Amino acid sequence: MASFNSDTAGKASKTDILVVGCGVGGCAAALALRRQGFSVRVCEAAASPRLSSGSVAGGVQIAPNGLRALELIGGQALLRRLLDYGVAAPHGFRFQTHHGDLIAQLQVVVDSVDEHEHEHEHEHEQHEPKKHSEESVIRWDRIGGVNIRRAAVVAVLLEALREQRDVEIEFGKRLVELVEGEDSVCARFGDGSSALASLVVAADGVHSTARGLILDAEYAKPRHTGFISFGGIASLPGVQLPSYYAKELVFTLGPRCQLGFGRFGPEPSSCSSSSSSSSSSSCSPSSTSLSELGGEHVWMWWTHLRHDEELSREQLEALPLRARCELLVEDFTEPLRSAVLESSEILRTQIYDVPCLPVWHRGRTVLLGDAAHAMSSAGGQGCSMAFEDACVLARLLDGLKLDGDTDSEQLESALSRYSAVRKARVEPIIRQAQQNDARGYARDGDAAADGWLALKMKSLFLWMMSGFIARSLRKLVFADFV
């Protein structure tokens, strides 16, 4: 990074911390840092909050460790908001054959409270999830995970962030340069404006601009994993599913694909502020209010498809994935087969990761979330790791004064500690996600070598190793990360 003097910085007012990126990681970091008393400014490249599946890919599951991190960031109130717009999966994961026969169950929370224990064997898909009252105490360690639309996670965090004092949120701010000073960093944006801060937290996603600005060129771009994630909103009019579908994420192993299936909350409405077309606009709180979370809870399915060639956005959209679905699930029994083939919407995204960076910070700029450690969704920990990052960074910065009085060595020590602790935590998970993709998904979904024999072998492996895998999952989600 270049250096600057006071004349170079201009007359920009200085804030404690500038967060670049207003996605899952950026909003969580801003909340956690504000809670520690820092003044925070958030700048996002997009012209408005990305609150639709067209701009923020489908659904995610927040694991118990992610819920713990969110409670540390925003208390019980934040968990209640999240659960009001997500679906709690109290058990964990079910793996079954394409005929519906059980292979293995991976129960993440051993002593989970099963509120559905005495329900009938089947339940109707339109059953409304329980709302959480102000008096109820939400136990993150009693929930196997929360299934929620990624856009809804952003909406929940953004609304909580807007309720904080000393937080500025601006959209249409595309980062182009970081200029380091003696006790501050000047961030310059594509619209010609700039922001001055004592510390920059770069949470600008897998295709992070900041990563390329502070690290060598070889680390600027993420790694294309050779997989495409695609799925859809399942169409199940009048269909009743076995009750376990409401309690677990269900993975169905077929001869041509592995299919995930689960229930998710509604999607928030897009920001409709008239100012959103402005390059430096900020949407009003009402334009992204959770009251605009529209529609019903939905069933979603997803799978990964090997595709070695990296595609442009136009090429990705042109792939005939709906037609490919017919081949992938032709051996599946109902209702999953029809749910896939009659999907109301097909979502798609290329999968990238950031396997191992030498450092996560340079000077007064530090990486967080996908900018530092993007991973395949096959790891099931992307959002949760970003929430953990936010907690750990805020804890390590606690007590430091970022107004010029703090010794640069103290800040360097805190950022170095953050980098070391988080790298040790996330890098094994990134590798595990890579292995899950390699084992779980067939090349192009229809190669004969990846058909019936592979299905039998995968089923046997899961059955034999289910106990070990479940224990490993529990060790991961209940690890003390703070």
Protein backbone atom coordinates (compact mmCIF):
# COMPACT_ATOMS: atom_id res chain seq x y z
CA MET A 1 0.00 0.00 0.00
CA ALA A 2 1.08 3.57 -0.65
CA SER A 3 1.64 6.01 2.21
CA PHE A 4 0.12 9.45 2.62
CA ASN A 5 0.49 12.61 4.65
CA SER A 6 -2.16 14.88 6.08
CA ASP A 7 -2.38 16.88 2.84
CA THR A 8 -3.03 13.72 0.82
CA ALA A 9 -5.87 12.71 3.12
CA GLY A 10 -7.72 15.95 2.61
CA LYS A 11 -10.34 17.09 5.07
CA ALA A 12 -12.15 13.77 5.49
CA SER A 13 -13.40 13.26 9.05
CA LYS A 14 -11.78 10.33 10.80
CA THR A 15 -13.64 7.41 12.32
CA ASP A 16 -12.27 4.62 14.52
CA ILE A 17 -13.07 1.74 12.16
CA LEU A 18 -14.10 1.61 8.53
CA VAL A 19 -15.82 -1.65 7.53
CA VAL A 20 -15.67 -2.32 3.81
CA GLY A 21 -18.62 -4.51 2.84
CA CYS A 22 -22.18 -4.64 4.12
CA GLY A 23 -22.83 -8.35 3.77
CA VAL A 24 -23.01 -11.02 6.45
CA GLY A 25 -19.45 -10.58 7.70
CA GLY A 26 -19.35 -6.79 7.42
CA CYS A 27 -22.58 -6.22 9.32
CA ALA A 28 -21.58 -8.69 12.05
CA ALA A 29 -18.17 -7.05 12.42
CA ALA A 30 -19.69 -3.57 12.59
CA LEU A 31 -22.12 -4.69 15.32
CA ALA A 32 -19.43 -6.42 17.36
CA LEU A 33 -17.01 -3.48 17.10
CA ARG A 34 -19.67 -0.90 17.94
CA ARG A 35 -20.53 -2.95 21.02
CA GLN A 36 -16.93 -2.49 22.14
CA GLY A 37 -17.39 1.28 21.93
CA PHE A 38 -15.71 2.06 18.60
CA SER A 39 -17.22 4.50 16.13
CA VAL A 40 -17.93 2.60 12.91
CA ARG A 41 -18.52 3.53 9.30
CA VAL A 42 -19.70 0.89 6.80
CA CYS A 43 -19.17 1.34 3.05
CA GLU A 44 -20.70 -1.06 0.51
CA ALA A 45 -19.98 -1.22 -3.23
CA ALA A 46 -23.56 -2.13 -4.20
CA ALA A 47 -25.98 0.73 -4.79
CA SER A 48 -28.47 -0.70 -2.29
CA PRO A 49 -28.78 -3.58 0.20
CA ARG A 50 -28.61 -6.93 -1.58
CA LEU A 51 -31.80 -8.48 -0.28
CA SER A 52 -32.97 -10.80 -3.04
CA SER A 53 -31.94 -14.23 -4.27
CA GLY A 54 -30.86 -12.63 -7.53
CA SER A 55 -28.06 -10.76 -5.72
CA VAL A 56 -27.45 -12.97 -2.68
CA ALA A 57 -27.51 -16.71 -3.27
CA GLY A 58 -30.36 -18.79 -1.79
CA GLY A 59 -30.20 -20.31 1.66
CA VAL A 60 -27.65 -21.03 4.38
CA GLN A 61 -27.61 -22.95 7.63
CA ILE A 62 -26.17 -21.16 10.63
CA ALA A 63 -24.53 -23.77 12.86
CA PRO A 64 -24.64 -23.72 16.69
CA ASN A 65 -21.25 -22.01 16.88
CA GLY A 66 -22.55 -19.29 14.56
CA LEU A 67 -25.57 -18.81 16.81
CA ARG A 68 -23.29 -18.55 19.83
CA ALA A 69 -21.25 -15.88 18.05
CA LEU A 70 -24.39 -13.93 17.16
CA GLU A 71 -25.55 -14.04 20.78
CA LEU A 72 -22.18 -12.62 21.85
CA ILE A 73 -22.54 -9.89 19.21
CA GLY A 74 -26.19 -8.91 19.71
CA GLY A 75 -27.57 -10.85 22.66
CA GLN A 76 -30.84 -12.75 22.82
CA ALA A 77 -32.63 -10.03 20.85
CA LEU A 78 -30.54 -10.75 17.76
CA LEU A 79 -31.14 -14.50 18.05
CA ARG A 80 -34.89 -13.92 18.33
CA ARG A 81 -34.91 -11.84 15.16
CA LEU A 82 -32.95 -14.48 13.33
CA LEU A 83 -35.17 -17.33 14.45
CA ASP A 84 -38.32 -15.41 13.59
CA TYR A 85 -37.20 -15.44 9.95
CA GLY A 86 -35.44 -18.79 9.87
CA VAL A 87 -36.32 -22.39 10.64
CA ALA A 88 -34.65 -24.21 13.52
CA ALA A 89 -33.49 -27.72 12.69
CA PRO A 90 -33.26 -29.30 16.16
CA HIS A 91 -31.54 -32.55 15.17
CA GLY A 92 -28.88 -32.17 12.51
CA PHE A 93 -28.51 -34.11 9.27
CA ARG A 94 -30.19 -37.14 7.73
CA PHE A 95 -28.63 -39.07 4.86
CA GLN A 96 -30.89 -41.33 2.84
CA THR A 97 -30.97 -43.22 -0.44
CA HIS A 98 -32.88 -41.93 -3.47
CA HIS A 99 -35.63 -44.37 -2.45
CA GLY A 100 -35.93 -42.72 0.97
CA ASP A 101 -34.19 -45.45 3.00
CA LEU A 102 -32.16 -44.20 5.96
CA ILE A 103 -28.38 -44.43 5.63
CA ALA A 104 -27.24 -42.43 8.66
CA GLN A 105 -28.25 -39.62 11.01
CA LEU A 106 -25.71 -37.10 12.26
CA GLN A 107 -27.09 -35.55 15.40
CA VAL A 108 -25.17 -32.38 16.16
CA VAL A 109 -26.94 -31.56 19.44
CA VAL A 110 -27.16 -34.73 21.49
CA ASP A 111 -29.65 -33.50 24.09
CA SER A 112 -31.71 -31.25 21.83
CA VAL A 113 -35.24 -30.47 22.94
CA ASP A 114 -37.49 -32.00 20.33
CA GLU A 115 -40.63 -29.91 20.26
CA HIS A 116 -42.10 -32.24 17.64
CA GLU A 117 -41.66 -35.46 19.61
CA HIS A 118 -45.35 -36.25 19.81
CA GLU A 119 -46.47 -34.96 16.44
CA HIS A 120 -48.11 -37.16 13.87
CA GLU A 121 -45.83 -39.01 11.50
CA HIS A 122 -46.54 -36.52 8.70
CA GLU A 123 -47.07 -32.79 8.76
CA HIS A 124 -48.31 -30.38 6.12
CA GLU A 125 -45.71 -28.19 4.45
CA GLN A 126 -47.53 -24.95 5.35
CA HIS A 127 -47.20 -25.45 9.13
CA GLU A 128 -45.98 -22.11 10.53
CA PRO A 129 -42.75 -22.12 12.56
CA LYS A 130 -42.90 -21.07 16.17
CA LYS A 131 -42.36 -17.38 16.97
CA HIS A 132 -40.04 -16.64 19.87
CA SER A 133 -41.45 -14.46 22.62
CA GLU A 134 -39.46 -11.84 24.49
CA GLU A 135 -39.55 -14.04 27.61
CA SER A 136 -38.21 -17.24 26.05
CA VAL A 137 -34.50 -17.92 26.40
CA ILE A 138 -32.96 -19.27 23.21
CA ARG A 139 -30.30 -21.90 23.84
CA TRP A 140 -27.85 -21.92 20.94
CA ASP A 141 -26.49 -25.24 22.24
CA ARG A 142 -29.92 -26.87 21.88
CA ILE A 143 -30.36 -26.07 18.18
CA GLY A 144 -28.75 -28.20 15.48
CA GLY A 145 -28.81 -25.23 13.08
CA VAL A 146 -31.02 -22.49 11.65
CA ASN A 147 -32.07 -22.68 7.98
CA ILE A 148 -32.50 -19.15 6.64
CA ARG A 149 -32.30 -17.23 3.40
CA ARG A 150 -28.93 -15.53 3.13
CA ALA A 151 -30.66 -12.27 2.20
CA ALA A 152 -32.70 -12.50 5.41
CA VAL A 153 -29.49 -12.82 7.47
CA VAL A 154 -28.24 -9.59 5.90
CA ALA A 155 -31.60 -7.89 6.57
CA VAL A 156 -31.61 -8.97 10.24
CA LEU A 157 -28.04 -7.76 10.82
CA LEU A 158 -28.54 -4.55 8.86
CA GLU A 159 -31.62 -3.60 10.84
CA ALA A 160 -29.81 -4.29 14.12
CA LEU A 161 -26.88 -2.22 12.89
CA ARG A 162 -29.07 0.75 11.98
CA GLU A 163 -30.35 0.88 15.54
CA GLN A 164 -26.83 1.62 16.82
CA ARG A 165 -25.49 5.10 17.47
CA ASP A 166 -22.23 6.27 15.90
CA VAL A 167 -22.63 3.97 12.89
CA GLU A 168 -22.72 5.34 9.36
CA ILE A 169 -23.84 3.10 6.48
CA GLU A 170 -23.25 4.13 2.88
CA PHE A 171 -23.95 2.34 -0.41
CA GLY A 172 -22.46 2.87 -3.84
CA LYS A 173 -18.93 3.02 -2.37
CA ARG A 174 -16.68 0.80 -4.50
CA LEU A 175 -13.21 0.55 -2.95
CA VAL A 176 -10.37 1.32 -5.37
CA GLU A 177 -7.38 2.22 -3.18
CA LEU A 178 -6.06 1.99 0.38
CA VAL A 179 -3.41 4.50 1.39
CA GLU A 180 -1.61 3.91 4.67
CA GLY A 181 -0.62 6.73 7.03
CA GLU A 182 1.25 6.79 10.31
CA ASP A 183 -1.83 6.33 12.46
CA SER A 184 -4.66 5.90 9.93
CA VAL A 185 -5.75 4.56 6.55
CA CYS A 186 -7.39 6.51 3.75
CA ALA A 187 -9.85 4.46 1.68
CA ARG A 188 -10.67 5.86 -1.74
CA PHE A 189 -13.78 4.94 -3.69
CA GLY A 190 -14.80 4.80 -7.32
CA ASP A 191 -17.06 7.86 -7.01
CA GLY A 192 -14.07 10.03 -6.07
CA SER A 193 -14.87 10.21 -2.35
CA SER A 194 -12.65 8.95 0.47
CA ALA A 195 -12.89 7.84 4.09
CA LEU A 196 -10.30 8.14 6.84
CA ALA A 197 -10.10 5.59 9.67
CA SER A 198 -7.72 4.28 12.29
CA LEU A 199 -8.43 0.73 11.11
CA VAL A 200 -10.01 -0.79 7.99
CA VAL A 201 -11.87 -4.11 8.36
CA ALA A 202 -12.20 -5.54 4.86
CA ALA A 203 -15.25 -7.79 4.66
CA ASP A 204 -15.80 -7.33 0.95
CA GLY A 205 -16.40 -10.96 0.08
CA VAL A 206 -14.77 -13.75 -1.90
CA HIS A 207 -13.81 -11.39 -4.75
CA SER A 208 -12.32 -8.93 -2.26
CA THR A 209 -10.73 -5.79 -3.66
CA ALA A 210 -8.97 -5.13 -0.37
CA ARG A 211 -7.26 -8.53 -0.43
CA GLY A 212 -5.64 -7.62 -3.73
CA LEU A 213 -4.59 -4.22 -2.37
CA ILE A 214 -2.78 -5.46 0.73
CA LEU A 215 -1.39 -8.84 -0.42
CA ASP A 216 0.73 -9.99 -3.34
CA ALA A 217 -0.94 -10.48 -6.73
CA GLU A 218 -1.03 -14.28 -6.42
CA TYR A 219 -3.51 -13.97 -3.56
CA ALA A 220 -5.76 -11.34 -5.12
CA LYS A 221 -8.13 -13.73 -6.87
CA PRO A 222 -9.98 -16.59 -5.19
CA ARG A 223 -9.54 -20.18 -6.38
CA HIS A 224 -12.20 -21.56 -8.70
CA THR A 225 -13.04 -24.95 -7.19
CA GLY A 226 -14.42 -26.51 -10.36
CA PHE A 227 -17.94 -26.77 -8.96
CA ILE A 228 -21.22 -24.98 -9.56
CA SER A 229 -23.80 -24.84 -6.81
CA PHE A 230 -27.35 -24.82 -8.05
CA GLY A 231 -30.75 -25.47 -6.59
CA GLY A 232 -34.26 -24.17 -6.44
CA ILE A 233 -37.44 -23.33 -4.62
CA ALA A 234 -39.32 -26.61 -4.43
CA SER A 235 -42.90 -26.84 -5.58
CA LEU A 236 -44.93 -29.02 -3.21
CA PRO A 237 -48.58 -27.97 -3.47
CA GLY A 238 -50.69 -30.05 -1.12
CA VAL A 239 -47.87 -32.53 -0.46
CA GLN A 240 -47.29 -33.93 3.02
CA LEU A 241 -43.73 -34.87 3.95
CA PRO A 242 -42.47 -37.17 6.72
CA SER A 243 -41.96 -35.17 9.92
CA TYR A 244 -38.18 -35.61 9.90
CA TYR A 245 -37.97 -33.16 7.01
CA ALA A 246 -38.89 -30.41 9.49
CA LYS A 247 -36.23 -31.48 12.00
CA GLU A 248 -33.15 -32.09 9.86
CA LEU A 249 -31.39 -31.11 6.70
CA VAL A 250 -31.99 -34.12 4.48
CA PHE A 251 -29.32 -35.25 2.02
CA THR A 252 -30.43 -37.78 -0.55
CA LEU A 253 -27.76 -39.86 -2.29
CA GLY A 254 -28.63 -40.84 -5.83
CA PRO A 255 -26.61 -42.49 -8.60
CA ARG A 256 -26.09 -39.13 -10.35
CA CYS A 257 -26.16 -36.52 -7.60
CA GLN A 258 -26.32 -35.79 -3.90
CA LEU A 259 -29.33 -33.60 -3.18
CA GLY A 260 -29.79 -31.42 -0.11
CA PHE A 261 -33.33 -30.54 0.99
CA GLY A 262 -34.65 -28.39 3.80
CA ARG A 263 -37.13 -25.75 4.93
CA PHE A 264 -36.14 -22.09 4.92
CA GLY A 265 -37.68 -18.78 5.90
CA PRO A 266 -39.02 -16.06 3.59
CA GLU A 267 -36.96 -13.68 1.51
CA PRO A 268 -36.87 -9.96 2.37
CA SER A 269 -38.12 -7.41 -0.11
CA SER A 270 -35.50 -5.47 -2.04
CA CYS A 271 -34.64 -1.95 -1.01
CA SER A 272 -37.06 0.29 -2.85
CA SER A 273 -35.62 3.64 -1.80
CA SER A 274 -35.77 6.17 -4.57
CA SER A 275 -32.23 7.18 -3.70
CA SER A 276 -30.81 3.77 -4.47
CA SER A 277 -29.81 4.85 -7.94
CA SER A 278 -27.42 7.43 -6.51
CA SER A 279 -23.79 6.35 -6.42
CA SER A 280 -23.48 7.35 -2.75
CA SER A 281 -26.95 6.54 -1.50
CA SER A 282 -28.00 5.19 1.87
CA CYS A 283 -31.35 3.40 2.02
CA SER A 284 -33.63 4.50 4.81
CA PRO A 285 -34.26 2.04 7.66
CA SER A 286 -37.85 1.53 6.54
CA SER A 287 -36.74 0.42 3.08
CA THR A 288 -35.08 -2.70 4.48
CA SER A 289 -37.32 -3.30 7.48
CA LEU A 290 -37.92 -6.87 8.48
CA SER A 291 -41.61 -6.12 8.21
CA GLU A 292 -41.01 -6.42 4.48
CA LEU A 293 -39.92 -10.02 4.72
CA GLY A 294 -42.52 -11.34 2.37
CA GLY A 295 -43.95 -14.65 1.27
CA GLU A 296 -44.09 -17.97 3.05
CA HIS A 297 -41.50 -20.35 4.41
CA VAL A 298 -40.32 -22.48 1.53
CA TRP A 299 -38.72 -25.81 0.80
CA MET A 300 -35.37 -25.53 -0.96
CA TRP A 301 -33.12 -28.08 -2.64
CA TRP A 302 -29.51 -27.84 -3.82
CA THR A 303 -26.66 -29.83 -5.31
CA HIS A 304 -23.16 -29.24 -6.68
CA LEU A 305 -22.12 -29.94 -10.25
CA ARG A 306 -18.56 -30.36 -11.42
CA HIS A 307 -17.63 -27.86 -14.10
CA ASP A 308 -13.88 -27.36 -14.48
CA GLU A 309 -14.15 -24.28 -16.69
CA GLU A 310 -14.63 -20.95 -14.96
CA LEU A 311 -17.59 -19.16 -16.53
CA SER A 312 -18.61 -15.57 -17.04
CA ARG A 313 -21.90 -14.49 -15.50
CA GLU A 314 -23.57 -14.69 -18.90
CA GLN A 315 -22.21 -18.20 -19.54
CA LEU A 316 -23.37 -19.35 -16.11
CA GLU A 317 -26.89 -18.04 -16.72
CA ALA A 318 -26.96 -19.73 -20.12
CA LEU A 319 -26.29 -23.22 -18.70
CA PRO A 320 -29.38 -25.43 -19.20
CA LEU A 321 -29.53 -26.47 -15.55
CA ARG A 322 -33.28 -26.96 -15.47
CA ALA A 323 -32.95 -29.52 -18.24
CA ARG A 324 -30.05 -31.16 -16.39
CA CYS A 325 -32.30 -31.65 -13.35
CA GLU A 326 -34.36 -34.20 -15.22
CA LEU A 327 -31.34 -36.44 -15.65
CA LEU A 328 -29.99 -35.92 -12.13
CA VAL A 329 -33.17 -37.00 -10.32
CA GLU A 330 -34.65 -39.48 -12.78
CA ASP A 331 -34.07 -42.32 -10.27
CA PHE A 332 -35.48 -40.43 -7.29
CA THR A 333 -38.82 -41.37 -5.77
CA GLU A 334 -41.61 -38.91 -5.07
CA PRO A 335 -42.08 -36.30 -3.78
CA LEU A 336 -38.45 -35.21 -4.20
CA ARG A 337 -38.40 -35.88 -7.93
CA SER A 338 -41.39 -33.67 -8.64
CA ALA A 339 -40.20 -31.04 -6.15
CA VAL A 340 -37.03 -30.60 -8.19
CA LEU A 341 -38.53 -30.84 -11.66
CA GLU A 342 -41.34 -28.39 -10.90
CA SER A 343 -39.18 -25.83 -9.08
CA SER A 344 -40.49 -22.30 -9.35
CA GLU A 345 -36.98 -20.84 -9.48
CA ILE A 346 -33.47 -22.14 -10.24
CA LEU A 347 -30.57 -20.50 -8.40
CA ARG A 348 -26.96 -20.93 -9.47
CA THR A 349 -23.50 -19.73 -8.47
CA GLN A 350 -19.91 -20.76 -9.11
CA ILE A 351 -18.03 -21.96 -6.04
CA TYR A 352 -14.78 -20.26 -5.10
CA ASP A 353 -12.59 -20.54 -2.05
CA VAL A 354 -9.60 -18.77 -0.51
CA PRO A 355 -7.62 -21.74 0.82
CA CYS A 356 -4.62 -20.31 2.66
CA LEU A 357 -3.36 -16.74 2.83
CA PRO A 358 0.07 -16.02 4.34
CA VAL A 359 -1.38 -13.23 6.52
CA TRP A 360 -4.79 -11.65 7.06
CA HIS A 361 -3.61 -8.13 7.69
CA ARG A 362 -1.09 -5.56 6.59
CA GLY A 363 -0.57 -2.31 8.42
CA ARG A 364 -3.95 -1.03 9.57
CA THR A 365 -6.08 -3.12 7.21
CA VAL A 366 -7.39 -6.55 8.24
CA LEU A 367 -9.45 -9.14 6.32
CA LEU A 368 -12.59 -10.81 7.69
CA GLY A 369 -15.09 -13.41 6.48
CA ASP A 370 -14.99 -14.59 2.86
CA ALA A 371 -12.35 -11.99 2.03
CA ALA A 372 -9.97 -13.97 4.26
CA HIS A 373 -11.23 -17.54 4.06
CA ALA A 374 -14.03 -18.20 1.57
CA MET A 375 -15.01 -21.86 1.51
CA SER A 376 -17.37 -24.14 -0.37
CA SER A 377 -20.86 -24.38 1.05
CA ALA A 378 -20.13 -28.11 1.40
CA GLY A 379 -18.35 -27.14 4.61
CA GLY A 380 -21.55 -25.72 6.12
CA GLN A 381 -19.62 -23.07 8.07
CA GLY A 382 -19.21 -19.99 5.84
CA CYS A 383 -21.52 -17.62 7.73
CA SER A 384 -20.68 -19.08 11.12
CA MET A 385 -16.93 -18.56 10.59
CA ALA A 386 -17.54 -14.92 9.63
CA PHE A 387 -19.53 -14.42 12.85
CA GLU A 388 -16.71 -15.99 14.84
CA ASP A 389 -14.21 -13.68 13.10
CA ALA A 390 -16.24 -10.66 14.20
CA CYS A 391 -16.33 -11.84 17.82
CA VAL A 392 -12.62 -12.61 18.03
CA LEU A 393 -11.52 -9.38 16.36
CA ALA A 394 -13.74 -7.28 18.64
CA ARG A 395 -12.45 -9.07 21.75
CA LEU A 396 -8.81 -8.59 20.75
CA LEU A 397 -9.31 -4.90 20.00
CA ASP A 398 -11.19 -4.30 23.24
CA GLY A 399 -9.37 -1.76 25.37
CA LEU A 400 -7.35 -0.26 22.52
CA LYS A 401 -7.95 3.39 21.73
CA LEU A 402 -7.88 3.92 17.98
CA ASP A 403 -7.68 7.71 18.14
CA GLY A 404 -3.91 8.00 17.86
CA ASP A 405 -3.07 7.22 21.50
CA THR A 406 -2.67 3.50 20.91
CA ASP A 407 0.86 2.33 20.18
CA SER A 408 1.05 0.89 16.67
CA GLU A 409 2.81 -2.14 18.16
CA GLN A 410 -0.22 -2.88 20.33
CA LEU A 411 -2.51 -2.80 17.30
CA GLU A 412 -0.09 -4.92 15.29
CA SER A 413 0.01 -7.45 18.13
CA ALA A 414 -3.80 -7.64 18.29
CA LEU A 415 -4.16 -8.08 14.52
CA SER A 416 -1.39 -10.68 14.41
CA ARG A 417 -3.08 -12.63 17.19
CA TYR A 418 -6.43 -12.44 15.36
CA SER A 419 -4.84 -13.70 12.15
CA ALA A 420 -3.07 -16.61 13.86
CA VAL A 421 -6.07 -17.74 15.93
CA ARG A 422 -8.55 -17.55 13.07
CA LYS A 423 -6.27 -19.18 10.46
CA ALA A 424 -5.81 -22.16 12.78
CA ARG A 425 -9.59 -22.43 13.16
CA VAL A 426 -10.80 -22.01 9.58
CA GLU A 427 -8.16 -23.58 7.34
CA PRO A 428 -8.96 -27.19 8.35
CA ILE A 429 -12.64 -26.45 7.63
CA ILE A 430 -11.79 -25.14 4.16
CA ARG A 431 -9.87 -28.35 3.44
CA GLN A 432 -12.78 -30.43 4.75
CA ALA A 433 -15.18 -28.58 2.48
CA GLN A 434 -12.94 -29.35 -0.49
CA GLN A 435 -12.96 -33.04 0.46
CA ASN A 436 -16.75 -33.02 0.88
CA ASP A 437 -17.14 -31.68 -2.65
CA ALA A 438 -14.71 -34.23 -4.08
CA ARG A 439 -16.43 -37.16 -2.37
CA GLY A 440 -20.01 -36.05 -2.60
CA TYR A 441 -20.55 -34.97 -6.19
CA ALA A 442 -20.07 -36.78 -9.49
CA ARG A 443 -18.29 -35.23 -12.48
CA ASP A 444 -20.96 -33.56 -14.62
CA GLY A 445 -23.57 -35.54 -12.70
CA ASP A 446 -23.88 -38.33 -15.24
CA ALA A 447 -20.56 -40.16 -15.62
CA ALA A 448 -21.00 -43.92 -15.43
CA ALA A 449 -17.97 -44.26 -13.15
CA ASP A 450 -19.75 -42.08 -10.60
CA GLY A 451 -23.02 -44.02 -10.68
CA TRP A 452 -24.32 -47.08 -8.84
CA LEU A 453 -21.01 -48.41 -7.54
CA ALA A 454 -20.03 -45.04 -6.15
CA LEU A 455 -23.46 -44.74 -4.54
CA LYS A 456 -23.05 -48.06 -2.74
CA MET A 457 -19.57 -47.11 -1.57
CA LYS A 458 -20.69 -43.70 -0.30
CA SER A 459 -23.62 -45.25 1.54
CA LEU A 460 -21.40 -47.84 3.19
CA PHE A 461 -18.84 -45.22 4.14
CA LEU A 462 -21.47 -42.98 5.73
CA TRP A 463 -23.05 -45.86 7.63
CA MET A 464 -19.70 -47.02 9.00
CA MET A 465 -18.31 -43.57 9.79
CA SER A 466 -21.48 -41.78 10.95
CA GLY A 467 -20.55 -41.94 14.62
CA PHE A 468 -17.08 -40.53 14.01
CA ILE A 469 -18.42 -37.80 11.70
CA ALA A 470 -21.07 -36.78 14.25
CA ARG A 471 -18.47 -36.54 17.02
CA SER A 472 -16.23 -34.45 14.75
CA LEU A 473 -19.12 -32.10 14.00
CA ARG A 474 -19.89 -31.69 17.69
CA LYS A 475 -16.21 -30.99 18.41
CA LEU A 476 -16.25 -28.31 15.72
CA VAL A 477 -19.43 -26.49 16.71
CA PHE A 478 -18.83 -26.59 20.45
CA ALA A 479 -15.17 -25.52 20.31
CA ASP A 480 -14.31 -22.48 22.42
CA PHE A 481 -13.44 -19.92 19.73
CA VAL A 482 -13.38 -16.78 21.89
